[in-house]
């Protein structure tokens, strides 16, 4: 799944669709470094191990958060 739209909706969209994502599903969120304040809740959520997601910021363009559903 690619998230590249209204930054405030990244987290609600992922939380809504997470039950439909299979193990190994990939979510890429664009512009992580361009909008660090707006995307801070999203990054914090995908990096919390309790949410069953592994995530890292890739140094591509303005930063892409690459997350995998565990």
N, C-alpha and C. Protein backbone atom coordinates (compact mmCIF):
# COMPACT_ATOMS: atom_id res chain seq x y z
N UNK A 1 0.85 -1.15 0.00
CA UNK A 1 0.00 0.00 0.00
C UNK A 1 0.91 1.23 0.00
N UNK A 2 0.56 2.23 -0.75
CA UNK A 2 1.30 3.49 -0.80
C UNK A 2 0.44 4.58 -0.17
N UNK A 3 1.01 5.26 0.82
CA UNK A 3 0.35 6.40 1.43
C UNK A 3 1.06 7.66 0.95
N UNK A 4 0.38 8.47 0.17
CA UNK A 4 0.96 9.69 -0.37
C UNK A 4 -0.17 10.67 -0.64
N UNK A 5 -0.74 11.16 0.40
CA UNK A 5 -1.87 12.08 0.27
C UNK A 5 -1.93 12.98 1.47
N UNK A 6 -3.12 13.19 1.97
CA UNK A 6 -3.32 14.04 3.13
C UNK A 6 -2.61 13.41 4.34
N UNK A 7 -1.61 14.10 4.85
CA UNK A 7 -0.74 13.53 5.88
C UNK A 7 -1.48 13.14 7.16
N UNK A 8 -2.50 13.90 7.53
CA UNK A 8 -3.27 13.60 8.74
C UNK A 8 -4.05 12.28 8.63
N UNK A 9 -4.19 11.77 7.41
CA UNK A 9 -4.96 10.55 7.21
C UNK A 9 -4.11 9.28 7.13
N UNK A 10 -2.79 9.42 7.08
CA UNK A 10 -1.94 8.23 6.99
C UNK A 10 -2.26 7.22 8.09
N UNK A 11 -2.25 7.69 9.34
CA UNK A 11 -2.47 6.77 10.45
C UNK A 11 -3.88 6.21 10.48
N UNK A 12 -4.93 7.03 10.36
CA UNK A 12 -6.28 6.46 10.35
C UNK A 12 -6.50 5.46 9.22
N UNK A 13 -5.91 5.72 8.05
CA UNK A 13 -6.07 4.79 6.93
C UNK A 13 -5.39 3.46 7.25
N UNK A 14 -4.16 3.53 7.76
CA UNK A 14 -3.45 2.30 8.09
C UNK A 14 -4.19 1.51 9.17
N UNK A 15 -4.66 2.20 10.19
CA UNK A 15 -5.38 1.51 11.27
C UNK A 15 -6.67 0.88 10.75
N UNK A 16 -7.33 1.53 9.82
CA UNK A 16 -8.56 0.99 9.24
C UNK A 16 -8.28 -0.26 8.39
N UNK A 17 -7.19 -0.23 7.63
CA UNK A 17 -6.90 -1.32 6.71
C UNK A 17 -6.02 -2.42 7.30
N UNK A 18 -5.39 -2.18 8.43
CA UNK A 18 -4.48 -3.17 9.01
C UNK A 18 -5.10 -4.55 9.17
N UNK A 19 -6.35 -4.69 9.62
CA UNK A 19 -6.92 -6.04 9.73
C UNK A 19 -6.98 -6.79 8.40
N UNK A 20 -6.97 -6.07 7.29
CA UNK A 20 -7.02 -6.70 5.97
C UNK A 20 -5.64 -7.03 5.41
N UNK A 21 -4.60 -6.52 6.04
CA UNK A 21 -3.25 -6.76 5.56
C UNK A 21 -2.73 -8.10 6.07
N UNK A 22 -2.18 -8.89 5.18
CA UNK A 22 -1.62 -10.18 5.56
C UNK A 22 -0.20 -9.99 6.09
N UNK A 23 0.32 -11.00 6.80
CA UNK A 23 1.71 -10.96 7.22
C UNK A 23 2.59 -10.76 6.00
N UNK A 24 3.54 -9.87 6.12
CA UNK A 24 4.44 -9.58 5.00
C UNK A 24 3.96 -8.47 4.09
N UNK A 25 2.74 -7.99 4.30
CA UNK A 25 2.25 -6.86 3.50
C UNK A 25 3.13 -5.64 3.76
N UNK A 26 3.36 -4.87 2.71
CA UNK A 26 4.23 -3.69 2.81
C UNK A 26 3.41 -2.42 2.68
N UNK A 27 3.73 -1.45 3.53
CA UNK A 27 3.12 -0.13 3.47
C UNK A 27 4.26 0.87 3.32
N UNK A 28 4.15 1.74 2.33
CA UNK A 28 5.16 2.78 2.10
C UNK A 28 4.47 4.12 2.27
N UNK A 29 5.02 4.95 3.15
CA UNK A 29 4.47 6.28 3.39
C UNK A 29 5.49 7.31 2.91
N UNK A 30 5.07 8.20 2.04
CA UNK A 30 5.97 9.18 1.43
C UNK A 30 6.03 10.47 2.26
N UNK A 31 7.11 11.22 2.04
CA UNK A 31 7.31 12.56 2.60
C UNK A 31 7.49 12.59 4.12
N UNK A 32 8.12 11.56 4.67
CA UNK A 32 8.32 11.49 6.12
C UNK A 32 9.18 12.64 6.61
N UNK A 33 10.22 13.01 5.87
CA UNK A 33 11.11 14.09 6.30
C UNK A 33 10.56 15.48 5.96
N UNK A 34 9.68 15.55 4.98
CA UNK A 34 9.10 16.84 4.59
C UNK A 34 8.08 17.33 5.62
N UNK A 35 7.33 16.40 6.21
CA UNK A 35 6.28 16.74 7.17
C UNK A 35 6.49 16.00 8.49
N UNK A 36 7.64 16.21 9.15
CA UNK A 36 7.93 15.42 10.36
C UNK A 36 6.94 15.63 11.49
N UNK A 37 6.46 16.84 11.66
CA UNK A 37 5.52 17.10 12.76
C UNK A 37 4.16 16.44 12.50
N UNK A 38 3.65 16.60 11.29
CA UNK A 38 2.35 16.02 10.94
C UNK A 38 2.39 14.50 10.94
N UNK A 39 3.53 13.92 10.58
CA UNK A 39 3.63 12.46 10.47
C UNK A 39 4.23 11.79 11.70
N UNK A 40 4.56 12.56 12.72
CA UNK A 40 5.13 12.00 13.95
C UNK A 40 4.23 10.93 14.58
N UNK A 41 2.91 11.15 14.68
CA UNK A 41 2.05 10.10 15.24
C UNK A 41 2.06 8.82 14.39
N UNK A 42 2.11 8.97 13.09
CA UNK A 42 2.16 7.80 12.20
C UNK A 42 3.45 7.02 12.43
N UNK A 43 4.58 7.72 12.43
CA UNK A 43 5.87 7.07 12.62
C UNK A 43 5.95 6.39 13.98
N UNK A 44 5.47 7.07 15.01
CA UNK A 44 5.48 6.47 16.35
C UNK A 44 4.64 5.19 16.38
N UNK A 45 3.50 5.20 15.71
CA UNK A 45 2.62 4.03 15.72
C UNK A 45 3.25 2.85 14.97
N UNK A 46 3.82 3.09 13.78
CA UNK A 46 4.39 1.97 13.03
C UNK A 46 5.67 1.44 13.66
N UNK A 47 6.29 2.22 14.52
CA UNK A 47 7.52 1.77 15.19
C UNK A 47 7.25 1.14 16.56
N UNK A 48 6.01 1.17 16.99
CA UNK A 48 5.65 0.54 18.26
C UNK A 48 5.46 -0.96 18.02
N UNK A 49 6.28 -1.82 18.63
CA UNK A 49 6.18 -3.26 18.37
C UNK A 49 4.84 -3.87 18.76
N UNK A 50 4.09 -3.21 19.61
CA UNK A 50 2.78 -3.73 19.99
C UNK A 50 1.78 -3.70 18.83
N UNK A 51 2.09 -2.92 17.80
CA UNK A 51 1.18 -2.81 16.65
C UNK A 51 1.48 -3.82 15.55
N UNK A 52 2.43 -4.73 15.80
CA UNK A 52 2.75 -5.81 14.87
C UNK A 52 3.19 -5.32 13.50
N UNK A 53 4.00 -4.28 13.53
CA UNK A 53 4.55 -3.71 12.30
C UNK A 53 6.03 -3.44 12.55
N UNK A 54 6.88 -3.72 11.55
CA UNK A 54 8.28 -3.36 11.62
C UNK A 54 8.47 -2.25 10.60
N UNK A 55 9.15 -1.16 11.01
CA UNK A 55 9.23 -0.01 10.14
C UNK A 55 10.59 0.67 10.22
N UNK A 56 11.00 1.24 9.09
CA UNK A 56 12.26 1.98 9.00
C UNK A 56 12.10 3.08 7.96
N UNK A 57 12.76 4.20 8.18
CA UNK A 57 12.73 5.29 7.21
C UNK A 57 13.84 5.07 6.19
N UNK A 58 13.47 5.04 4.92
CA UNK A 58 14.43 4.90 3.83
C UNK A 58 14.86 6.28 3.35
N UNK A 59 16.14 6.47 3.07
CA UNK A 59 16.62 7.78 2.61
C UNK A 59 16.40 7.98 1.11
N UNK A 60 15.17 7.89 0.70
CA UNK A 60 14.81 8.09 -0.70
C UNK A 60 13.97 9.35 -0.81
N UNK A 61 14.35 10.25 -1.70
CA UNK A 61 13.59 11.49 -1.86
C UNK A 61 13.50 12.23 -0.55
N UNK A 62 12.28 12.53 -0.13
CA UNK A 62 12.05 13.24 1.12
C UNK A 62 11.74 12.30 2.27
N UNK A 63 12.23 11.08 2.16
CA UNK A 63 12.04 10.08 3.21
C UNK A 63 10.80 9.25 2.96
N UNK A 64 10.99 7.94 2.95
CA UNK A 64 9.86 7.02 2.79
C UNK A 64 9.90 6.05 3.96
N UNK A 65 8.79 5.94 4.65
CA UNK A 65 8.69 5.00 5.76
C UNK A 65 8.25 3.66 5.17
N UNK A 66 9.11 2.66 5.31
CA UNK A 66 8.87 1.33 4.76
C UNK A 66 8.46 0.43 5.93
N UNK A 67 7.24 -0.05 5.91
CA UNK A 67 6.70 -0.83 7.02
C UNK A 67 6.22 -2.18 6.52
N UNK A 68 6.44 -3.19 7.34
CA UNK A 68 6.02 -4.56 7.01
C UNK A 68 5.13 -5.08 8.12
N UNK A 69 3.98 -5.63 7.75
CA UNK A 69 3.04 -6.22 8.72
C UNK A 69 3.61 -7.54 9.20
N UNK A 70 3.79 -7.69 10.50
CA UNK A 70 4.34 -8.92 11.07
C UNK A 70 3.27 -9.92 11.36
